[in-house]
All heavy atoms as atom14 arrays in JSON, in Angstrom:
{
  "sequence": "QPVREVEIPKKDGSKRKLGIPTLRDRIAQQV",
  "atom14_mask": [
    [1, 1, 1, 1, 1, 1, 1, 1, 1, 0, 0, 0, 0, 0],
    [1, 1, 1, 1, 1, 1, 1, 0, 0, 0, 0, 0, 0, 0],
    [1, 1, 1, 1, 1, 1, 1, 0, 0, 0, 0, 0, 0, 0],
    [1, 1, 1, 1, 1, 1, 1, 1, 1, 1, 1, 0, 0, 0],
    [1, 1, 1, 1, 1, 1, 1, 1, 1, 0, 0, 0, 0, 0],
    [1, 1, 1, 1, 1, 1, 1, 0, 0, 0, 0, 0, 0, 0],
    [1, 1, 1, 1, 1, 1, 1, 1, 1, 0, 0, 0, 0, 0],
    [1, 1, 1, 1, 1, 1, 1, 1, 0, 0, 0, 0, 0, 0],
    [1, 1, 1, 1, 1, 1, 1, 0, 0, 0, 0, 0, 0, 0],
    [1, 1, 1, 1, 1, 1, 1, 1, 1, 0, 0, 0, 0, 0],
    [1, 1, 1, 1, 1, 1, 1, 1, 1, 0, 0, 0, 0, 0],
    [1, 1, 1, 1, 1, 1, 1, 1, 0, 0, 0, 0, 0, 0],
    [1, 1, 1, 1, 0, 0, 0, 0, 0, 0, 0, 0, 0, 0],
    [1, 1, 1, 1, 1, 1, 0, 0, 0, 0, 0, 0, 0, 0],
    [1, 1, 1, 1, 1, 1, 1, 1, 1, 0, 0, 0, 0, 0],
    [1, 1, 1, 1, 1, 1, 1, 1, 1, 1, 1, 0, 0, 0],
    [1, 1, 1, 1, 1, 1, 1, 1, 1, 0, 0, 0, 0, 0],
    [1, 1, 1, 1, 1, 1, 1, 1, 0, 0, 0, 0, 0, 0],
    [1, 1, 1, 1, 0, 0, 0, 0, 0, 0, 0, 0, 0, 0],
    [1, 1, 1, 1, 1, 1, 1, 1, 0, 0, 0, 0, 0, 0],
    [1, 1, 1, 1, 1, 1, 1, 0, 0, 0, 0, 0, 0, 0],
    [1, 1, 1, 1, 1, 1, 1, 0, 0, 0, 0, 0, 0, 0],
    [1, 1, 1, 1, 1, 1, 1, 1, 0, 0, 0, 0, 0, 0],
    [1, 1, 1, 1, 1, 1, 1, 1, 1, 1, 1, 0, 0, 0],
    [1, 1, 1, 1, 1, 1, 1, 1, 0, 0, 0, 0, 0, 0],
    [1, 1, 1, 1, 1, 1, 1, 1, 1, 1, 1, 0, 0, 0],
    [1, 1, 1, 1, 1, 1, 1, 1, 0, 0, 0, 0, 0, 0],
    [1, 1, 1, 1, 1, 0, 0, 0, 0, 0, 0, 0, 0, 0],
    [1, 1, 1, 1, 1, 1, 1, 1, 1, 0, 0, 0, 0, 0],
    [1, 1, 1, 1, 1, 1, 1, 1, 1, 0, 0, 0, 0, 0],
    [1, 1, 1, 1, 1, 1, 1, 0, 0, 0, 0, 0, 0, 0]
  ],
  "atom14_positions": [
    [[0.84, -1.19, 0.0], [0.0, 0.0, 0.0], [0.89, 1.25, 0.0], [2.08, 1.17, 0.3], [-0.9, 0.0, 1.23], [-1.95, -1.11, 1.23], [-2.83, -1.04, 2.45], [-2.52, -1.6, 3.5], [-3.95, -0.34, 2.33], [0.0, 0.0, 0.0], [0.0, 0.0, 0.0], [0.0, 0.0, 0.0], [0.0, 0.0, 0.0], [0.0, 0.0, 0.0]],
    [[0.32, 2.42, -0.32], [1.11, 3.65, -0.25], [1.65, 3.89, 1.16], [1.07, 3.41, 2.15], [0.1, 4.75, -0.64], [-0.94, 4.03, -1.43], [-1.05, 2.66, -0.83], [0.0, 0.0, 0.0], [0.0, 0.0, 0.0], [0.0, 0.0, 0.0], [0.0, 0.0, 0.0], [0.0, 0.0, 0.0], [0.0, 0.0, 0.0], [0.0, 0.0, 0.0]],
    [[2.77, 4.6, 1.26], [3.31, 4.96, 2.57], [2.66, 6.27, 3.04], [2.24, 7.09, 2.22], [4.85, 5.12, 2.54], [5.52, 3.79, 2.25], [5.28, 6.18, 1.54], [0.0, 0.0, 0.0], [0.0, 0.0, 0.0], [0.0, 0.0, 0.0], [0.0, 0.0, 0.0], [0.0, 0.0, 0.0], [0.0, 0.0, 0.0], [0.0, 0.0, 0.0]],
    [[2.58, 6.41, 4.35], [2.0, 7.63, 4.93], [3.13, 8.6, 5.25], [4.04, 8.27, 5.99], [1.21, 7.28, 6.2], [0.54, 8.49, 6.86], [-0.35, 8.04, 8.02], [0.44, 7.47, 9.1], [0.98, 8.19, 10.1], [0.84, 9.51, 10.12], [1.66, 7.59, 11.06], [0.0, 0.0, 0.0], [0.0, 0.0, 0.0], [0.0, 0.0, 0.0]],
    [[3.05, 9.81, 4.71], [4.1, 10.8, 4.91], [3.92, 11.53, 6.24], [2.83, 11.99, 6.56], [4.11, 11.82, 3.77], [5.25, 12.82, 3.86], [5.24, 13.81, 2.72], [4.53, 14.83, 2.81], [5.93, 13.54, 1.72], [0.0, 0.0, 0.0], [0.0, 0.0, 0.0], [0.0, 0.0, 0.0], [0.0, 0.0, 0.0], [0.0, 0.0, 0.0]],
    [[5.0, 11.6, 7.01], [5.03, 12.41, 8.23], [6.29, 13.25, 8.19], [7.26, 12.89, 7.52], [5.0, 11.55, 9.52], [3.73, 10.74, 9.62], [6.22, 10.62, 9.58], [0.0, 0.0, 0.0], [0.0, 0.0, 0.0], [0.0, 0.0, 0.0], [0.0, 0.0, 0.0], [0.0, 0.0, 0.0], [0.0, 0.0, 0.0], [0.0, 0.0, 0.0]],
    [[6.28, 14.37, 8.89], [7.44, 15.25, 8.92], [7.97, 15.36, 10.33], [7.2, 15.5, 11.29], [7.07, 16.65, 8.4], [6.7, 16.68, 6.93], [6.37, 18.08, 6.44], [6.09, 18.95, 7.29], [6.39, 18.3, 5.22], [0.0, 0.0, 0.0], [0.0, 0.0, 0.0], [0.0, 0.0, 0.0], [0.0, 0.0, 0.0], [0.0, 0.0, 0.0]],
    [[9.3, 15.29, 10.47], [9.94, 15.47, 11.77], [10.97, 16.58, 11.64], [11.59, 16.74, 10.58], [10.6, 14.18, 12.3], [11.67, 13.67, 11.32], [9.55, 13.1, 12.54], [12.48, 12.53, 11.87], [0.0, 0.0, 0.0], [0.0, 0.0, 0.0], [0.0, 0.0, 0.0], [0.0, 0.0, 0.0], [0.0, 0.0, 0.0], [0.0, 0.0, 0.0]],
    [[11.17, 17.38, 12.7], [12.12, 18.5, 12.61], [13.57, 18.02, 12.54], [13.95, 17.04, 13.18], [11.86, 19.28, 13.91], [11.23, 18.31, 14.84], [10.47, 17.34, 13.99], [0.0, 0.0, 0.0], [0.0, 0.0, 0.0], [0.0, 0.0, 0.0], [0.0, 0.0, 0.0], [0.0, 0.0, 0.0], [0.0, 0.0, 0.0], [0.0, 0.0, 0.0]],
    [[14.39, 18.72, 11.74], [15.82, 18.45, 11.64], [16.59, 19.46, 12.49], [16.03, 20.43, 12.99], [16.26, 18.53, 10.18], [15.7, 17.44, 9.3], [16.05, 17.65, 7.84], [17.51, 17.47, 7.56], [17.83, 17.55, 6.11], [0.0, 0.0, 0.0], [0.0, 0.0, 0.0], [0.0, 0.0, 0.0], [0.0, 0.0, 0.0], [0.0, 0.0, 0.0]],
    [[17.89, 19.22, 12.65], [18.74, 20.09, 13.47], [18.72, 21.53, 12.99], [18.76, 22.46, 13.79], [20.19, 19.58, 13.44], [20.39, 18.19, 14.01], [21.85, 17.78, 13.83], [22.07, 16.34, 14.24], [23.47, 15.9, 14.01], [0.0, 0.0, 0.0], [0.0, 0.0, 0.0], [0.0, 0.0, 0.0], [0.0, 0.0, 0.0], [0.0, 0.0, 0.0]],
    [[18.67, 21.71, 11.65], [18.77, 23.06, 11.09], [17.43, 23.79, 11.02], [17.32, 24.86, 10.45], [19.4, 23.01, 9.7], [18.61, 22.13, 8.72], [17.5, 21.68, 9.08], [19.1, 21.91, 7.59], [0.0, 0.0, 0.0], [0.0, 0.0, 0.0], [0.0, 0.0, 0.0], [0.0, 0.0, 0.0], [0.0, 0.0, 0.0], [0.0, 0.0, 0.0]],
    [[16.38, 23.18, 11.59], [15.07, 23.81, 11.6], [14.17, 23.39, 10.46], [12.96, 23.67, 10.48], [0.0, 0.0, 0.0], [0.0, 0.0, 0.0], [0.0, 0.0, 0.0], [0.0, 0.0, 0.0], [0.0, 0.0, 0.0], [0.0, 0.0, 0.0], [0.0, 0.0, 0.0], [0.0, 0.0, 0.0], [0.0, 0.0, 0.0], [0.0, 0.0, 0.0]],
    [[14.72, 22.73, 9.46], [13.9, 22.24, 8.35], [13.2, 20.94, 8.76], [13.34, 20.48, 9.9], [14.77, 22.02, 7.11], [15.76, 21.04, 7.36], [0.0, 0.0, 0.0], [0.0, 0.0, 0.0], [0.0, 0.0, 0.0], [0.0, 0.0, 0.0], [0.0, 0.0, 0.0], [0.0, 0.0, 0.0], [0.0, 0.0, 0.0], [0.0, 0.0, 0.0]],
    [[12.46, 20.34, 7.85], [11.71, 19.12, 8.15], [12.25, 17.95, 7.34], [12.6, 18.1, 6.17], [10.22, 19.32, 7.82], [9.53, 20.44, 8.62], [9.33, 20.02, 10.06], [8.6, 21.1, 10.86], [7.2, 21.25, 10.46], [0.0, 0.0, 0.0], [0.0, 0.0, 0.0], [0.0, 0.0, 0.0], [0.0, 0.0, 0.0], [0.0, 0.0, 0.0]],
    [[12.32, 16.8, 7.98], [12.67, 15.56, 7.27], [11.39, 14.77, 7.04], [10.6, 14.56, 7.96], [13.66, 14.73, 8.08], [13.93, 13.36, 7.47], [14.9, 12.52, 8.26], [16.27, 12.96, 8.06], [17.04, 13.47, 8.99], [16.57, 13.62, 10.22], [18.27, 13.85, 8.74], [0.0, 0.0, 0.0], [0.0, 0.0, 0.0], [0.0, 0.0, 0.0]],
    [[11.18, 14.35, 5.8], [9.97, 13.6, 5.48], [10.22, 12.1, 5.62], [11.17, 11.57, 5.03], [9.52, 13.93, 4.06], [9.04, 15.37, 3.9], [8.58, 15.66, 2.49], [8.09, 17.11, 2.37], [7.64, 17.43, 1.0], [0.0, 0.0, 0.0], [0.0, 0.0, 0.0], [0.0, 0.0, 0.0], [0.0, 0.0, 0.0], [0.0, 0.0, 0.0]],
    [[9.38, 11.44, 6.39], [9.44, 10.0, 6.54], [8.25, 9.38, 5.83], [7.17, 9.96, 5.78], [9.41, 9.59, 8.02], [10.5, 10.14, 8.93], [10.33, 9.56, 10.33], [11.87, 9.8, 8.4], [0.0, 0.0, 0.0], [0.0, 0.0, 0.0], [0.0, 0.0, 0.0], [0.0, 0.0, 0.0], [0.0, 0.0, 0.0], [0.0, 0.0, 0.0]],
    [[8.45, 8.18, 5.3], [7.35, 7.42, 4.7], [7.06, 6.21, 5.55], [7.88, 5.3, 5.64], [0.0, 0.0, 0.0], [0.0, 0.0, 0.0], [0.0, 0.0, 0.0], [0.0, 0.0, 0.0], [0.0, 0.0, 0.0], [0.0, 0.0, 0.0], [0.0, 0.0, 0.0], [0.0, 0.0, 0.0], [0.0, 0.0, 0.0], [0.0, 0.0, 0.0]],
    [[5.9, 6.18, 6.2], [5.56, 5.11, 7.13], [4.75, 4.04, 6.41], [3.6, 4.27, 6.02], [4.76, 5.65, 8.34], [5.48, 6.84, 8.98], [4.53, 4.53, 9.35], [6.87, 6.53, 9.51], [0.0, 0.0, 0.0], [0.0, 0.0, 0.0], [0.0, 0.0, 0.0], [0.0, 0.0, 0.0], [0.0, 0.0, 0.0], [0.0, 0.0, 0.0]],
    [[5.31, 2.84, 6.23], [4.55, 1.75, 5.61], [3.54, 1.17, 6.6], [3.65, 1.37, 7.81], [5.61, 0.71, 5.25], [6.94, 1.35, 5.53], [6.69, 2.42, 6.54], [0.0, 0.0, 0.0], [0.0, 0.0, 0.0], [0.0, 0.0, 0.0], [0.0, 0.0, 0.0], [0.0, 0.0, 0.0], [0.0, 0.0, 0.0], [0.0, 0.0, 0.0]],
    [[2.57, 0.42, 6.09], [1.66, -0.32, 6.97], [2.45, -1.4, 7.7], [3.56, -1.77, 7.3], [0.53, -0.98, 6.17], [1.1, -1.96, 5.28], [-0.25, 0.05, 5.35], [0.0, 0.0, 0.0], [0.0, 0.0, 0.0], [0.0, 0.0, 0.0], [0.0, 0.0, 0.0], [0.0, 0.0, 0.0], [0.0, 0.0, 0.0], [0.0, 0.0, 0.0]],
    [[1.86, -1.94, 8.76], [2.53, -3.0, 9.52], [2.79, -4.21, 8.64], [3.85, -4.83, 8.71], [1.69, -3.4, 10.74], [1.36, -2.29, 11.74], [0.65, -2.87, 12.95], [2.61, -1.54, 12.19], [0.0, 0.0, 0.0], [0.0, 0.0, 0.0], [0.0, 0.0, 0.0], [0.0, 0.0, 0.0], [0.0, 0.0, 0.0], [0.0, 0.0, 0.0]],
    [[1.82, -4.55, 7.8], [2.0, -5.71, 6.91], [3.15, -5.47, 5.93], [3.94, -6.38, 5.65], [0.71, -5.98, 6.14], [-0.41, -6.51, 7.04], [-1.62, -6.95, 6.22], [-2.67, -7.46, 7.08], [-3.73, -8.14, 6.67], [-3.87, -8.38, 5.37], [-4.64, -8.56, 7.51], [0.0, 0.0, 0.0], [0.0, 0.0, 0.0], [0.0, 0.0, 0.0]],
    [[3.25, -4.26, 5.41], [4.34, -3.96, 4.49], [5.69, -3.99, 5.19], [6.7, -4.39, 4.61], [4.12, -2.59, 3.83], [3.04, -2.63, 2.75], [2.79, -3.73, 2.23], [2.46, -1.58, 2.44], [0.0, 0.0, 0.0], [0.0, 0.0, 0.0], [0.0, 0.0, 0.0], [0.0, 0.0, 0.0], [0.0, 0.0, 0.0], [0.0, 0.0, 0.0]],
    [[5.71, -3.55, 6.45], [6.98, -3.61, 7.2], [7.44, -5.05, 7.38], [8.63, -5.36, 7.24], [6.81, -2.94, 8.56], [6.98, -1.43, 8.53], [6.78, -0.83, 9.89], [5.59, 0.0, 9.91], [5.08, 0.59, 10.97], [5.68, 0.45, 12.14], [4.0, 1.33, 10.89], [0.0, 0.0, 0.0], [0.0, 0.0, 0.0], [0.0, 0.0, 0.0]],
    [[6.5, -5.93, 7.7], [6.85, -7.34, 7.89], [7.32, -7.94, 6.56], [8.33, -8.65, 6.5], [5.64, -8.12, 8.45], [5.31, -7.62, 9.85], [5.94, -9.62, 8.47], [3.97, -8.11, 10.39], [0.0, 0.0, 0.0], [0.0, 0.0, 0.0], [0.0, 0.0, 0.0], [0.0, 0.0, 0.0], [0.0, 0.0, 0.0], [0.0, 0.0, 0.0]],
    [[6.6, -7.65, 5.49], [6.98, -8.17, 4.17], [8.36, -7.67, 3.76], [9.19, -8.44, 3.24], [5.92, -7.77, 3.13], [0.0, 0.0, 0.0], [0.0, 0.0, 0.0], [0.0, 0.0, 0.0], [0.0, 0.0, 0.0], [0.0, 0.0, 0.0], [0.0, 0.0, 0.0], [0.0, 0.0, 0.0], [0.0, 0.0, 0.0], [0.0, 0.0, 0.0]],
    [[8.63, -6.39, 3.99], [9.94, -5.85, 3.67], [11.03, -6.52, 4.49], [12.13, -6.79, 3.99], [9.97, -4.33, 3.92], [9.2, -3.52, 2.89], [9.39, -2.03, 3.08], [10.43, -1.58, 3.55], [8.38, -1.25, 2.73], [0.0, 0.0, 0.0], [0.0, 0.0, 0.0], [0.0, 0.0, 0.0], [0.0, 0.0, 0.0], [0.0, 0.0, 0.0]],
    [[10.74, -6.81, 5.76], [11.72, -7.45, 6.62], [12.07, -8.84, 6.11], [13.23, -9.27, 6.16], [11.2, -7.55, 8.05], [12.2, -8.09, 9.07], [13.34, -7.14, 9.33], [13.13, -5.98, 9.63], [14.57, -7.64, 9.22], [0.0, 0.0, 0.0], [0.0, 0.0, 0.0], [0.0, 0.0, 0.0], [0.0, 0.0, 0.0], [0.0, 0.0, 0.0]],
    [[11.07, -9.56, 5.59], [11.31, -10.9, 5.03], [12.31, -10.82, 3.88], [13.3, -11.57, 3.84], [9.98, -11.53, 4.54], [10.26, -12.83, 3.78], [9.04, -11.8, 5.71], [0.0, 0.0, 0.0], [0.0, 0.0, 0.0], [0.0, 0.0, 0.0], [0.0, 0.0, 0.0], [0.0, 0.0, 0.0], [0.0, 0.0, 0.0], [0.0, 0.0, 0.0]]
  ]
}
């Protein structure tokens, strides 16, 4: 499924974008 985008602050004040997969996708990727 698509990843969910979230933003977290970086040291320099800008934002780092993370892509959060579903739990099932995380398990499949780990395999």
